[in-house]
Structure formats: C-alpha cells, structure tokens
Amino acid sequence: MTKETAVYTHGHHESVLRSHTWRTAANSAAYLLGSLKPHMKILDIGCGPGTITADLAALVPEGHVTGVDQAAGVLDQARATATERGLANVDFTTGDIHALDFPDDTFCVVHAHQVLQHVGDPVAALREMRRVTKPDGFIAVRDSDYASMSWYPLSPGMDDWLDLYRRVARANGGEPDAGRRLKSWALEAGFDTAHINSSSSTWCYSTPEEIEWWSDLWADRTLASAYAERAQESGQATPGELTAVSEAWRAWGQQPDAWFSVLHGEILCRKRADKQADN
C-alpha cells in the first residue's frame, strides 16, 4: 500500500488549531449529517483536535467513532475534547490515509474533512477509504478550494497571500484547489457516478468579530506556523515577504466592510453492496 507522500502544509501551531477547534459537524459536515444513524460506526480521518469527531460521536450514541491523524501530539487534545464532553463511544489513533490499519468493510461511514488537499495521491486515498467502508456505507469528503476564495475589499497583499499559499501547498505535494476536483477524483478511484452525490458549501466571515478572528489567525499563521517555515525552506518566500503578507491580512481585517467566503467541494459516495461494485 502506498504511503503518504505529501506533508501537512499548516502544521499544528496555535494559530492553526485556533481555526480547527472552531469546526463542528454542523458547520463542516452538514452534507453528511442526514445520512447518519444512531448505530453507525464511523472513521474520521485527519481528525486534528477532535471537535468534529466528538460531534459525530454524539450523533451516533449507539455506535462508535474512531478519529485518526498522522500527528500523535494533536490527539491528546482530541482525547481531552471527548473527555470534556463525556463521550465514551470515541477513540483516537495515528494512521495514514493511504494505508489504513483496519480490515476491509469495517465502518459505516469514512469521513475526511480538509484532508485530500494535503495528500500525495488523493485517488489512492479514496480507494483506501472505500476499502474500509462496509457495503452500502458512505465515504464523505469535504475540501476547500483556494482559487475560489473571495474577499472584499480587494488587496494586492491578499492576492500575494493566495498566490504564495498555493505555491507552498503544491511544493509540499498537495493540491490547494481540491474542492473542485473531488468528483473527478472519485470517478478516477472507480466510484460509479450514480453513487456520487457532489455538492458545495461555504464558510462566510462578515461580522467584526469573525473578521478579526479570521484575519488575526492568518496573520499569525503566515509568520509562525509550519506553513511559514516551509515557505522559506522551499524558497517560496523570504521573511520580509511573509511579514508583508501578514501585515496585509491585518490591514484588511481592520476594514469596516471586510468580508470573506471560503468555498468547499463535497462528495458523499455510497459503496455499492454487490460484488461488481466500484472496481
């Protein structure tokens, strides 16, 4: 089985986790929630600090959720999140989406949020997700699409940020515009088009509090996260250029009419139950 060939561009700096811990099943997996049943067994890949994982566990009280992440350190926070919520039907472990350590046909749902944009072979990852899904179960994937992100007021410094981020992500082996490609990747992975439900949704930041939070975390991330380190190590940006981008984020965030929208692509694929399915 192919091993992971890309790296997680953002890392787990506090400025990154500030964003990740904001995520919930409601704001990040709404396209999946109508398919959940109380008894289901779920695998949440790339679970990070576990806020979505914990929400999923609460939604399947008679079932079980396993959260998987490559970074062992962030799983301590995920376990603490589950403990704080009093959830007994969830556990966490390390793992690689390209080589999951589970038998075939184990889970009712295999979920990955903001993961395929970072992996070296998203098609192989989807095949591996399908392998561990039970017949008639669901593979659920949601990824942002950086080229489709929109903001106002316009800012040359923000344009520089988007160009830089996309270059760094691709230098790391990922695809930052993954959202628009999910359906294509699912078809390449062998899913039948009749069993792929493709959709999109957005996060939108528009209140003064939301804008301050969003601009500050990206300003900090640009200077102090693994993304900043990799931008310099790969020769994509100098410290001065990173500082300029960070300052552009802060200046944009101070505008009274600031507005930002993040487009996501989504796929909800059903694994066919017959032996000829999805090969």
Protein backbone atom coordinates (compact mmCIF):
# COMPACT_ATOMS: atom_id res chain seq x y z
CA MET A 1 0.00 0.00 0.00
CA THR A 2 1.30 3.46 -0.95
CA LYS A 3 2.43 5.56 1.97
CA GLU A 4 1.78 9.27 2.44
CA THR A 5 3.86 11.36 0.03
CA ALA A 6 2.75 14.89 0.90
CA VAL A 7 3.14 16.87 4.10
CA TYR A 8 0.53 18.77 6.08
CA THR A 9 1.23 22.33 4.97
CA HIS A 10 -0.21 24.11 8.01
CA GLY A 11 1.18 22.02 10.86
CA HIS A 12 -0.42 22.34 14.31
CA HIS A 13 0.71 25.75 15.52
CA GLU A 14 -1.71 27.50 17.88
CA SER A 15 -2.86 29.77 15.04
CA VAL A 16 -3.87 26.66 13.08
CA LEU A 17 -5.64 24.96 15.97
CA ARG A 18 -7.48 28.23 16.61
CA SER A 19 -9.24 27.56 13.33
CA HIS A 20 -9.56 23.78 13.70
CA THR A 21 -11.21 23.91 17.12
CA TRP A 22 -13.89 26.23 15.69
CA ARG A 23 -15.06 23.48 13.34
CA THR A 24 -18.17 21.49 14.14
CA ALA A 25 -20.19 18.81 12.40
CA ALA A 26 -22.83 21.47 11.73
CA ASN A 27 -20.52 23.98 10.03
CA SER A 28 -18.19 21.46 8.38
CA ALA A 29 -20.13 18.24 7.66
CA ALA A 30 -23.75 19.28 7.14
CA TYR A 31 -23.89 17.40 3.81
CA LEU A 32 -23.29 14.13 5.71
CA LEU A 33 -25.49 14.52 8.78
CA GLY A 34 -28.77 13.46 7.14
CA SER A 35 -27.25 10.05 6.36
CA LEU A 36 -26.19 9.24 9.92
CA LYS A 37 -27.98 6.64 12.04
CA PRO A 38 -27.57 6.18 15.82
CA HIS A 39 -25.91 2.76 15.49
CA MET A 40 -23.24 3.69 12.93
CA LYS A 41 -19.52 3.01 13.21
CA ILE A 42 -17.55 5.98 11.82
CA LEU A 43 -13.91 6.61 10.91
CA ASP A 44 -12.88 10.28 10.97
CA ILE A 45 -9.59 10.71 9.08
CA GLY A 46 -7.44 13.76 9.78
CA CYS A 47 -9.40 14.42 12.96
CA GLY A 48 -6.98 17.01 14.40
CA PRO A 49 -8.15 18.34 17.78
CA GLY A 50 -11.33 16.27 17.53
CA THR A 51 -14.17 18.79 17.60
CA ILE A 52 -15.90 17.33 14.53
CA THR A 53 -15.11 13.81 15.74
CA ALA A 54 -16.77 14.49 19.08
CA ASP A 55 -19.84 15.93 17.38
CA LEU A 56 -20.13 12.81 15.22
CA ALA A 57 -19.83 10.60 18.30
CA ALA A 58 -22.69 12.49 19.95
CA LEU A 59 -24.80 11.89 16.84
CA VAL A 60 -24.27 8.10 16.90
CA PRO A 61 -24.86 7.29 20.61
CA GLU A 62 -25.37 3.58 19.89
CA GLY A 63 -22.37 3.46 17.57
CA HIS A 64 -18.69 4.33 17.73
CA VAL A 65 -16.30 6.86 16.17
CA THR A 66 -12.56 6.42 15.65
CA GLY A 67 -10.51 9.53 14.96
CA VAL A 68 -7.26 9.13 13.02
CA ASP A 69 -4.48 11.66 12.49
CA GLN A 70 -0.85 11.43 11.43
CA ALA A 71 0.24 13.82 14.17
CA ALA A 72 0.27 11.98 17.50
CA GLY A 73 0.59 15.19 19.53
CA VAL A 74 -2.73 16.68 18.43
CA LEU A 75 -4.56 13.52 19.52
CA ASP A 76 -4.01 14.43 23.17
CA GLN A 77 -6.19 17.48 22.59
CA ALA A 78 -8.75 15.35 20.74
CA ARG A 79 -8.96 12.92 23.66
CA ALA A 80 -9.37 15.82 26.07
CA THR A 81 -12.20 17.19 23.93
CA ALA A 82 -14.03 13.86 24.05
CA THR A 83 -13.48 13.54 27.82
CA GLU A 84 -14.78 17.05 28.45
CA ARG A 85 -17.96 16.18 26.58
CA GLY A 86 -18.40 12.91 28.46
CA LEU A 87 -18.24 10.77 25.32
CA ALA A 88 -17.44 7.09 25.84
CA ASN A 89 -18.02 5.94 22.25
CA VAL A 90 -14.94 7.50 20.64
CA ASP A 91 -11.25 6.65 20.42
CA PHE A 92 -8.22 8.10 18.63
CA THR A 93 -5.15 6.65 16.96
CA THR A 94 -2.43 7.59 14.49
CA GLY A 95 -2.71 6.50 10.89
CA ASP A 96 -2.04 7.17 7.21
CA ILE A 97 -4.96 7.62 4.83
CA HIS A 98 -3.05 5.75 2.13
CA ALA A 99 -2.58 2.67 4.36
CA LEU A 100 -5.31 2.47 6.99
CA ASP A 101 -4.75 -0.12 9.70
CA PHE A 102 -8.28 -1.53 9.59
CA PRO A 103 -9.79 -4.61 7.91
CA ASP A 104 -11.95 -4.38 4.81
CA ASP A 105 -15.61 -3.43 5.35
CA THR A 106 -15.19 -2.10 8.91
CA PHE A 107 -17.03 1.25 9.02
CA CYS A 108 -20.48 2.50 8.09
CA VAL A 109 -19.04 5.95 7.30
CA VAL A 110 -15.49 7.06 6.48
CA HIS A 111 -15.15 10.83 6.73
CA ALA A 112 -12.31 13.21 5.84
CA HIS A 113 -12.52 16.98 6.24
CA GLN A 114 -9.80 19.15 4.66
CA VAL A 115 -7.57 16.13 4.08
CA LEU A 116 -7.37 15.22 0.39
CA GLN A 117 -5.92 18.62 -0.47
CA HIS A 118 -2.82 17.63 1.52
CA VAL A 119 -2.22 14.02 0.49
CA GLY A 120 0.16 12.82 -2.20
CA ASP A 121 -2.33 10.57 -4.01
CA PRO A 122 -5.96 11.54 -3.38
CA VAL A 123 -7.28 8.87 -5.74
CA ALA A 124 -5.44 6.11 -3.86
CA ALA A 125 -6.68 7.66 -0.61
CA LEU A 126 -10.29 7.43 -1.80
CA ARG A 127 -9.78 3.78 -2.76
CA GLU A 128 -8.38 3.08 0.69
CA MET A 129 -11.31 4.88 2.32
CA ARG A 130 -13.69 2.73 0.25
CA ARG A 131 -11.83 -0.45 1.22
CA VAL A 132 -12.54 0.02 4.93
CA THR A 133 -16.16 1.07 4.33
CA LYS A 134 -18.91 -1.51 4.69
CA PRO A 135 -21.01 -2.35 1.62
CA ASP A 136 -23.80 0.23 1.33
CA GLY A 137 -21.82 2.57 3.58
CA PHE A 138 -20.68 6.14 2.89
CA ILE A 139 -17.40 7.85 2.03
CA ALA A 140 -17.72 11.55 2.90
CA VAL A 141 -15.13 14.14 1.87
CA ARG A 142 -15.07 17.95 2.07
CA ASP A 143 -12.19 20.17 0.93
CA SER A 144 -11.76 23.87 0.41
CA ASP A 145 -10.88 25.37 -2.97
CA TYR A 146 -8.33 28.14 -2.51
CA ALA A 147 -8.62 29.61 -6.01
CA SER A 148 -12.35 30.15 -5.36
CA MET A 149 -11.91 32.02 -2.08
CA SER A 150 -13.35 35.54 -2.31
CA TRP A 151 -12.89 38.64 -0.22
CA TYR A 152 -13.56 42.35 -0.11
CA PRO A 153 -12.11 44.95 -0.05
CA LEU A 154 -9.59 43.92 -2.67
CA SER A 155 -5.97 43.91 -1.55
CA PRO A 156 -2.77 43.29 -3.52
CA GLY A 157 -1.23 41.86 -0.35
CA MET A 158 -4.06 39.35 -0.04
CA ASP A 159 -3.54 38.40 -3.69
CA ASP A 160 0.10 37.76 -2.81
CA TRP A 161 -1.05 35.56 0.09
CA LEU A 162 -3.22 33.39 -2.16
CA ASP A 163 -0.51 33.01 -4.78
CA LEU A 164 2.07 32.14 -2.10
CA TYR A 165 -0.14 29.63 -0.30
CA ARG A 166 -0.98 27.75 -3.48
CA ARG A 167 2.71 27.56 -4.44
CA VAL A 168 3.75 26.31 -1.00
CA ALA A 169 0.98 23.70 -0.88
CA ARG A 170 1.92 22.34 -4.30
CA ALA A 171 5.62 22.31 -3.42
CA ASN A 172 4.61 20.11 -0.48
CA GLY A 173 2.88 17.66 -2.83
CA GLY A 174 -0.71 18.78 -2.19
CA GLU A 175 -3.48 20.34 -4.28
CA PRO A 176 -4.92 23.52 -2.70
CA ASP A 177 -7.78 23.68 -5.22
CA ALA A 178 -9.04 20.25 -4.21
CA GLY A 179 -12.68 21.19 -3.74
CA ARG A 180 -13.44 21.35 -7.45
CA ARG A 181 -11.63 18.06 -8.09
CA LEU A 182 -13.35 15.77 -5.59
CA LYS A 183 -15.93 14.39 -8.01
CA SER A 184 -13.25 13.82 -10.65
CA TRP A 185 -11.02 12.02 -8.14
CA ALA A 186 -13.94 9.84 -7.01
CA LEU A 187 -14.64 8.81 -10.61
CA GLU A 188 -10.95 8.05 -11.15
CA ALA A 189 -10.99 5.97 -7.97
CA GLY A 190 -13.69 3.82 -9.53
CA PHE A 191 -16.87 5.06 -7.90
CA ASP A 192 -19.98 4.76 -10.04
CA THR A 193 -21.29 8.21 -10.99
CA ALA A 194 -24.77 7.17 -9.84
CA HIS A 195 -23.39 6.69 -6.33
CA ILE A 196 -21.60 10.06 -6.02
CA ASN A 197 -23.53 12.97 -4.56
CA SER A 198 -21.46 16.09 -5.26
CA SER A 199 -22.22 19.42 -3.61
CA SER A 200 -20.65 22.62 -2.27
CA SER A 201 -21.00 24.90 0.73
CA THR A 202 -19.22 27.88 2.22
CA TRP A 203 -17.88 29.40 5.36
CA CYS A 204 -18.52 33.14 5.38
CA TYR A 205 -16.89 35.62 7.76
CA SER A 206 -18.55 39.03 7.86
CA THR A 207 -19.18 40.28 11.40
CA PRO A 208 -16.48 42.41 13.07
CA GLU A 209 -15.72 39.55 15.47
CA GLU A 210 -15.47 36.98 12.69
CA ILE A 211 -13.25 39.21 10.56
CA GLU A 212 -10.91 39.96 13.47
CA TRP A 213 -10.64 36.26 14.29
CA TRP A 214 -10.05 35.15 10.68
CA SER A 215 -7.56 37.87 9.77
CA ASP A 216 -5.60 37.52 13.01
CA LEU A 217 -5.19 33.75 12.74
CA TRP A 218 -3.94 34.01 9.14
CA ALA A 219 -1.64 36.90 10.02
CA ASP A 220 -0.17 34.79 12.82
CA ARG A 221 -0.06 31.61 10.71
CA THR A 222 1.88 33.41 7.98
CA LEU A 223 4.69 34.20 10.41
CA ALA A 224 4.78 31.41 12.98
CA SER A 225 3.39 28.10 11.66
CA ALA A 226 4.84 25.17 9.75
CA TYR A 227 3.42 26.84 6.64
CA ALA A 228 5.72 29.82 7.25
CA GLU A 229 8.71 27.53 7.78
CA ARG A 230 8.01 25.56 4.63
CA ALA A 231 7.51 28.72 2.58
CA GLN A 232 11.05 29.78 3.48
CA GLU A 233 12.66 26.33 3.29
CA SER A 234 11.29 25.76 -0.21
CA GLY A 235 12.39 29.19 -1.40
CA GLN A 236 8.81 30.34 -2.00
CA ALA A 237 9.10 33.42 0.26
CA THR A 238 11.61 35.44 2.25
CA PRO A 239 10.97 36.54 5.85
CA GLY A 240 10.28 40.03 4.54
CA GLU A 241 7.69 38.76 2.08
CA LEU A 242 5.96 36.78 4.80
CA THR A 243 5.88 39.85 7.01
CA ALA A 244 4.30 41.86 4.20
CA VAL A 245 1.60 39.23 3.69
CA SER A 246 0.91 39.07 7.43
CA GLU A 247 0.57 42.85 7.56
CA ALA A 248 -1.79 42.75 4.57
CA TRP A 249 -4.05 40.35 6.48
CA ARG A 250 -4.14 42.66 9.50
CA ALA A 251 -4.78 45.76 7.38
CA TRP A 252 -7.62 44.02 5.52
CA GLY A 253 -9.12 42.86 8.81
CA GLN A 254 -9.39 46.44 10.02
CA GLN A 255 -11.67 47.47 7.16
CA PRO A 256 -15.29 48.03 8.29
CA ASP A 257 -16.68 46.39 5.13
CA ALA A 258 -14.38 43.34 5.20
CA TRP A 259 -15.99 40.09 4.01
CA PHE A 260 -14.50 36.66 3.25
CA SER A 261 -16.00 33.48 1.79
CA VAL A 262 -14.43 30.02 1.65
CA LEU A 263 -15.90 27.67 -0.96
CA HIS A 264 -15.80 23.91 -0.28
CA GLY A 265 -16.44 20.99 -2.57
CA GLU A 266 -18.12 17.93 -1.06
CA ILE A 267 -18.71 14.35 -2.13
CA LEU A 268 -20.86 11.74 -0.45
CA CYS A 269 -20.15 8.40 -2.15
CA ARG A 270 -22.05 5.20 -1.44
CA LYS A 271 -20.16 1.93 -1.59
CA ARG A 272 -22.24 -0.45 -3.62
CA ALA A 273 -23.17 -3.67 -1.91
CA ASP A 274 -22.84 -6.00 -4.91
CA LYS A 275 -19.57 -7.78 -5.76
CA GLN A 276 -19.14 -5.91 -9.06
CA ALA A 277 -19.24 -2.52 -7.39
CA ASP A 278 -16.75 0.32 -7.60
CA ASN A 279 -13.74 -1.51 -9.00
